[in-house]
C-alpha atoms as a PDB file:
ATOM      1  CA  MET A   1      89.441  98.642 127.748  1.00  0.00           C
ATOM      2  CA  SER A   2      88.121  95.637 129.642  1.00  0.00           C
ATOM      3  CA  ASP A   3      89.488  96.471 133.095  1.00  0.00           C
ATOM      4  CA  GLN A   4      89.601 100.242 132.659  1.00  0.00           C
ATOM      5  CA  ALA A   5      87.083 102.931 133.551  1.00  0.00           C
ATOM      6  CA  PRO A   6      84.351 103.493 130.951  1.00  0.00           C
ATOM      7  CA  ALA A   7      85.523 105.629 128.049  1.00  0.00           C
ATOM      8  CA  PRO A   8      84.014 109.117 127.814  1.00  0.00           C
ATOM      9  CA  ALA A   9      81.269 109.746 125.267  1.00  0.00           C
ATOM     10  CA  VAL A  10      82.879 110.625 121.957  1.00  0.00           C
ATOM     11  CA  ASP A  11      80.202 113.174 120.996  1.00  0.00           C
ATOM     12  CA  LYS A  12      81.077 115.292 124.052  1.00  0.00           C
ATOM     13  CA  MET A  13      84.855 115.302 123.529  1.00  0.00           C
ATOM     14  CA  SER A  14      86.939 118.292 122.529  1.00  0.00           C
ATOM     15  CA  TYR A  15      89.127 117.956 119.458  1.00  0.00           C
ATOM     16  CA  GLU A  16      92.222 117.547 121.606  1.00  0.00           C
ATOM     17  CA  ALA A  17      90.642 114.836 123.764  1.00  0.00           C
ATOM     18  CA  ALA A  18      89.327 112.968 120.724  1.00  0.00           C
ATOM     19  CA  MET A  19      92.718 113.136 119.010  1.00  0.00           C
ATOM     20  CA  ALA A  20      94.488 111.869 122.142  1.00  0.00           C
ATOM     21  CA  GLY A  21      91.965 109.041 122.393  1.00  0.00           C
ATOM     22  CA  LEU A  22      92.491 108.175 118.737  1.00  0.00           C
ATOM     23  CA  GLU A  23      96.261 108.097 119.221  1.00  0.00           C
ATOM     24  CA  ASP A  24      95.794 105.761 122.199  1.00  0.00           C
ATOM     25  CA  VAL A  25      93.583 103.436 120.135  1.00  0.00           C
ATOM     26  CA  VAL A  26      96.109 103.345 117.287  1.00  0.00           C
ATOM     27  CA  ASN A  27      98.996 102.648 119.669  1.00  0.00           C
ATOM     28  CA  ARG A  28      97.129  99.801 121.351  1.00  0.00           C
ATOM     29  CA  LEU A  29      96.135  98.228 118.038  1.00  0.00           C
ATOM     30  CA  GLU A  30      99.663  98.561 116.643  1.00  0.00           C
ATOM     31  CA  ARG A  31     101.117  96.690 119.635  1.00  0.00           C
ATOM     32  CA  GLY A  32      99.135  93.679 118.501  1.00  0.00           C
ATOM     33  CA  ASP A  33      98.670  92.223 121.982  1.00  0.00           C
ATOM     34  CA  VAL A  34      94.951  92.982 122.291  1.00  0.00           C
ATOM     35  CA  PRO A  35      92.441  90.104 122.072  1.00  0.00           C
ATOM     36  CA  LEU A  36      90.258  89.996 118.954  1.00  0.00           C
ATOM     37  CA  GLU A  37      87.019  91.147 120.621  1.00  0.00           C
ATOM     38  CA  GLU A  38      88.785  94.074 122.262  1.00  0.00           C
ATOM     39  CA  SER A  39      90.517  94.921 118.960  1.00  0.00           C
ATOM     40  CA  ILE A  40      87.129  95.155 117.263  1.00  0.00           C
ATOM     41  CA  ALA A  41      85.806  97.432 120.023  1.00  0.00           C
ATOM     42  CA  LEU A  42      88.949  99.572 119.810  1.00  0.00           C
ATOM     43  CA  TYR A  43      88.608  99.838 116.038  1.00  0.00           C
ATOM     44  CA  GLU A  44      84.971 100.939 116.365  1.00  0.00           C
ATOM     45  CA  ARG A  45      85.908 103.533 118.987  1.00  0.00           C
ATOM     46  CA  GLY A  46      88.766 104.736 116.794  1.00  0.00           C
ATOM     47  CA  GLU A  47      86.376 105.226 113.898  1.00  0.00           C
ATOM     48  CA  ALA A  48      84.007 107.227 116.122  1.00  0.00           C
ATOM     49  CA  LEU A  49      86.921 109.349 117.365  1.00  0.00           C
ATOM     50  CA  ARG A  50      88.117 109.962 113.792  1.00  0.00           C
ATOM     51  CA  ALA A  51      84.624 111.062 112.786  1.00  0.00           C
ATOM     52  CA  ARG A  52      84.427 113.399 115.819  1.00  0.00           C
ATOM     53  CA  CYS A  53      87.762 115.004 114.928  1.00  0.00           C
ATOM     54  CA  GLU A  54      86.668 115.438 111.312  1.00  0.00           C
ATOM     55  CA  ALA A  55      83.351 117.022 112.345  1.00  0.00           C
ATOM     56  CA  LEU A  56      85.059 119.441 114.712  1.00  0.00           C
ATOM     57  CA  LEU A  57      87.584 120.424 112.037  1.00  0.00           C
ATOM     58  CA  GLN A  58      84.810 121.039 109.509  1.00  0.00           C
ATOM     59  CA  GLU A  59      82.971 123.171 112.066  1.00  0.00           C
ATOM     60  CA  ALA A  60      86.130 125.195 112.699  1.00  0.00           C
ATOM     61  CA  GLU A  61      86.697 125.641 108.961  1.00  0.00           C
ATOM     62  CA  MET A  62      83.175 126.990 108.556  1.00  0.00           C
ATOM     63  CA  LYS A  63      83.740 129.490 111.360  1.00  0.00           C
ATOM     64  CA  VAL A  64      87.051 130.631 109.885  1.00  0.00           C
ATOM     65  CA  ALA A  65      85.435 131.006 106.454  1.00  0.00           C
ATOM     66  CA  GLN A  66      82.956 133.428 108.008  1.00  0.00           C
ATOM     67  CA  ILE A  67      85.738 135.775 109.133  1.00  0.00           C
ATOM     68  CA  THR A  68      86.112 138.620 106.666  1.00  0.00           C
ATOM     69  CA  ALA A  69      87.961 141.909 106.387  1.00  0.00           C
ATOM     70  CA  GLY A  70      85.758 144.987 106.399  1.00  0.00           C
ATOM     71  CA  PRO A  71      86.231 148.021 104.131  1.00  0.00           C
ATOM     72  CA  ASP A  72      88.363 149.709 106.784  1.00  0.00           C
ATOM     73  CA  GLY A  73      90.655 146.654 106.990  1.00  0.00           C
ATOM     74  CA  GLU A  74      89.352 145.477 110.332  1.00  0.00           C
ATOM     75  CA  VAL A  75      88.620 141.811 110.675  1.00  0.00           C
ATOM     76  CA  ALA A  76      85.005 140.979 111.459  1.00  0.00           C
ATOM     77  CA  ALA A  77      82.945 137.834 111.626  1.00  0.00           C
ATOM     78  CA  ALA A  78      80.235 137.576 109.014  1.00  0.00           C
ATOM     79  CA  PRO A  79      76.917 136.177 110.206  1.00  0.00           C
ATOM     80  CA  MET A  80      76.672 132.404 109.892  1.00  0.00           C
ATOM     81  CA  LYS A  81      74.390 131.232 107.106  1.00  0.00           C
ATOM     82  CA  GLY A  82      72.294 128.135 107.409  1.00  0.00           C
END
């Protein structure tokens, strides 16, 4: 991460981008050739990426839970509560 372009803001990433970033972090940490300070920064970024993925999955689950079948059998989205 030291000589690379700045990493994109985690809170703006799509699920796919966050997951790819998380996989990159894990791969770099598993290689074991990253200096300590950079390892700490990578770990912190990985934790932020994991949290972003989890939040996006929870949001998707809530949306899916709102999908219901009407009396005629057609699928419809129920209004979101909250």
